[in-house]
């Protein structure tokens, strides 16, 4: 269930809709880490909460904590993920925190039963293999 469009070398010619996989499969877990062809710092979390998909940077903007491992809670109608390292909260829709922190969020769409995320790099549910140059 890897994804992306264009060549397989991680071409980042601009922001594009990236095929992630079938919604029926992706909706089975609350959060999945999507690896970026640009590397660790560009990975994305795909959340599935209350029948909706959300996507945001995978590393907390405070100290780089793994947001895919965080608790997801709803407070006053706002769905939030809490970083497991220092408990900073981020709105799944906007990326805004109760502090001055902000997470980058990405558009998600469903089309023909598949989930797409708008991102500048190829995204995959499996890690990208390192380039092996001879």
Protein backbone atom coordinates (compact mmCIF):
# COMPACT_ATOMS: atom_id res chain seq x y z
CA UNK A 1 0.00 0.00 0.00
CA UNK A 2 2.79 2.43 -0.80
CA UNK A 3 2.00 5.50 -2.74
CA UNK A 4 3.02 8.55 -4.60
CA UNK A 5 2.90 9.65 -8.17
CA UNK A 6 5.57 10.30 -10.72
CA UNK A 7 9.01 8.73 -10.51
CA UNK A 8 10.17 6.59 -7.62
CA UNK A 9 13.21 8.73 -6.72
CA UNK A 10 11.25 11.08 -4.46
CA UNK A 11 10.71 13.82 -7.04
CA UNK A 12 9.39 16.83 -5.19
CA UNK A 13 8.46 19.02 -8.13
CA UNK A 14 5.62 20.54 -6.12
CA UNK A 15 2.70 19.78 -3.88
CA UNK A 16 0.52 17.00 -5.30
CA UNK A 17 -2.21 14.63 -4.19
CA UNK A 18 -0.47 11.44 -3.01
CA UNK A 19 -2.33 8.14 -3.07
CA UNK A 20 -2.04 6.51 0.34
CA UNK A 21 -4.33 3.48 -0.04
CA UNK A 22 -7.88 2.18 0.30
CA UNK A 23 -10.02 3.91 2.93
CA UNK A 24 -11.46 0.54 3.98
CA UNK A 25 -8.00 -0.60 5.09
CA UNK A 26 -6.71 2.73 6.44
CA UNK A 27 -9.78 3.23 8.62
CA UNK A 28 -8.90 0.16 10.71
CA UNK A 29 -6.34 2.10 12.81
CA UNK A 30 -6.59 5.51 14.50
CA UNK A 31 -3.15 6.60 13.34
CA UNK A 32 -0.63 5.50 10.75
CA UNK A 33 2.83 6.86 10.13
CA UNK A 34 3.41 7.80 6.50
CA UNK A 35 7.08 7.95 5.57
CA UNK A 36 8.20 10.80 3.33
CA UNK A 37 10.65 10.38 0.47
CA UNK A 38 12.29 13.57 1.86
CA UNK A 39 13.21 11.78 5.08
CA UNK A 40 12.33 11.54 8.76
CA UNK A 41 11.62 15.25 9.30
CA UNK A 42 8.91 15.27 6.63
CA UNK A 43 6.97 12.18 7.78
CA UNK A 44 3.21 12.58 8.22
CA UNK A 45 0.62 11.06 10.57
CA UNK A 46 -2.65 9.95 9.03
CA UNK A 47 -5.37 9.95 11.69
CA UNK A 48 -8.79 8.30 11.38
CA UNK A 49 -11.16 9.62 14.03
CA UNK A 50 -14.98 9.68 14.12
CA UNK A 51 -15.27 8.68 10.46
CA UNK A 52 -12.82 11.32 9.16
CA UNK A 53 -9.21 11.31 8.01
CA UNK A 54 -6.74 14.01 9.10
CA UNK A 55 -3.05 14.47 8.28
CA UNK A 56 -0.31 16.47 10.02
CA UNK A 57 3.44 16.44 10.47
CA UNK A 58 4.42 13.33 12.42
CA UNK A 59 6.91 15.01 14.76
CA UNK A 60 5.75 17.44 17.45
CA UNK A 61 6.85 21.01 16.77
CA UNK A 62 7.97 21.32 20.42
CA UNK A 63 10.65 18.60 20.68
CA UNK A 64 10.00 16.15 17.86
CA UNK A 65 7.83 13.69 19.79
CA UNK A 66 6.01 10.97 17.81
CA UNK A 67 2.45 12.25 17.44
CA UNK A 68 1.23 8.91 16.04
CA UNK A 69 1.78 7.53 19.54
CA UNK A 70 -0.21 10.31 21.21
CA UNK A 71 -3.66 10.17 22.76
CA UNK A 72 -6.56 11.52 20.73
CA UNK A 73 -9.32 13.27 22.64
CA UNK A 74 -12.31 15.48 21.89
CA UNK A 75 -12.91 18.58 24.00
CA UNK A 76 -15.71 21.05 23.21
CA UNK A 77 -16.09 19.52 19.75
CA UNK A 78 -12.38 19.86 18.93
CA UNK A 79 -10.45 16.69 18.07
CA UNK A 80 -6.91 16.89 19.42
CA UNK A 81 -3.80 14.76 19.55
CA UNK A 82 -1.55 15.00 22.61
CA UNK A 83 2.18 14.51 22.20
CA UNK A 84 3.29 11.55 24.33
CA UNK A 85 6.53 13.29 25.35
CA UNK A 86 5.34 16.57 26.91
CA UNK A 87 1.54 16.48 26.50
CA UNK A 88 1.26 19.40 24.06
CA UNK A 89 -2.11 19.30 22.28
CA UNK A 90 -2.81 19.97 18.59
CA UNK A 91 -6.14 20.42 16.83
CA UNK A 92 -6.38 17.72 14.13
CA UNK A 93 -8.11 20.12 11.72
CA UNK A 94 -5.97 23.25 12.13
CA UNK A 95 -2.75 22.11 13.82
CA UNK A 96 -3.18 24.85 16.44
CA UNK A 97 -2.15 24.19 20.00
CA UNK A 98 -3.32 25.57 23.32
CA UNK A 99 0.17 27.10 23.40
CA UNK A 100 1.89 29.17 20.72
CA UNK A 101 2.93 25.99 18.89
CA UNK A 102 1.58 25.06 15.46
CA UNK A 103 1.68 21.77 13.55
CA UNK A 104 1.57 21.67 9.76
CA UNK A 105 -1.65 20.01 8.59
CA UNK A 106 -2.33 18.61 5.13
CA UNK A 107 -5.48 18.32 3.05
CA UNK A 108 -6.97 14.84 2.81
CA UNK A 109 -9.51 13.66 0.27
CA UNK A 110 -11.41 10.47 -0.44
CA UNK A 111 -11.87 9.55 -4.08
CA UNK A 112 -13.12 6.24 -5.50
CA UNK A 113 -12.63 4.58 -2.10
CA UNK A 114 -9.00 5.72 -1.77
CA UNK A 115 -7.34 8.19 0.60
CA UNK A 116 -5.12 10.94 -0.81
CA UNK A 117 -2.97 13.46 1.06
CA UNK A 118 -1.74 16.71 -0.48
CA UNK A 119 2.02 16.81 0.18
CA UNK A 120 5.28 17.92 -1.41
CA UNK A 121 6.87 14.46 -1.37
CA UNK A 122 5.96 10.87 -2.02
CA UNK A 123 4.40 9.20 1.02
CA UNK A 124 4.47 5.52 1.90
CA UNK A 125 3.27 3.32 4.74
CA UNK A 126 6.63 1.54 4.44
CA UNK A 127 10.02 3.24 4.95
CA UNK A 128 11.81 4.29 1.79
CA UNK A 129 14.96 2.34 1.02
CA UNK A 130 18.12 4.45 1.09
CA UNK A 131 19.65 5.27 -2.28
CA UNK A 132 22.55 2.94 -2.95
CA UNK A 133 25.04 4.68 -5.21
CA UNK A 134 28.00 2.64 -6.41
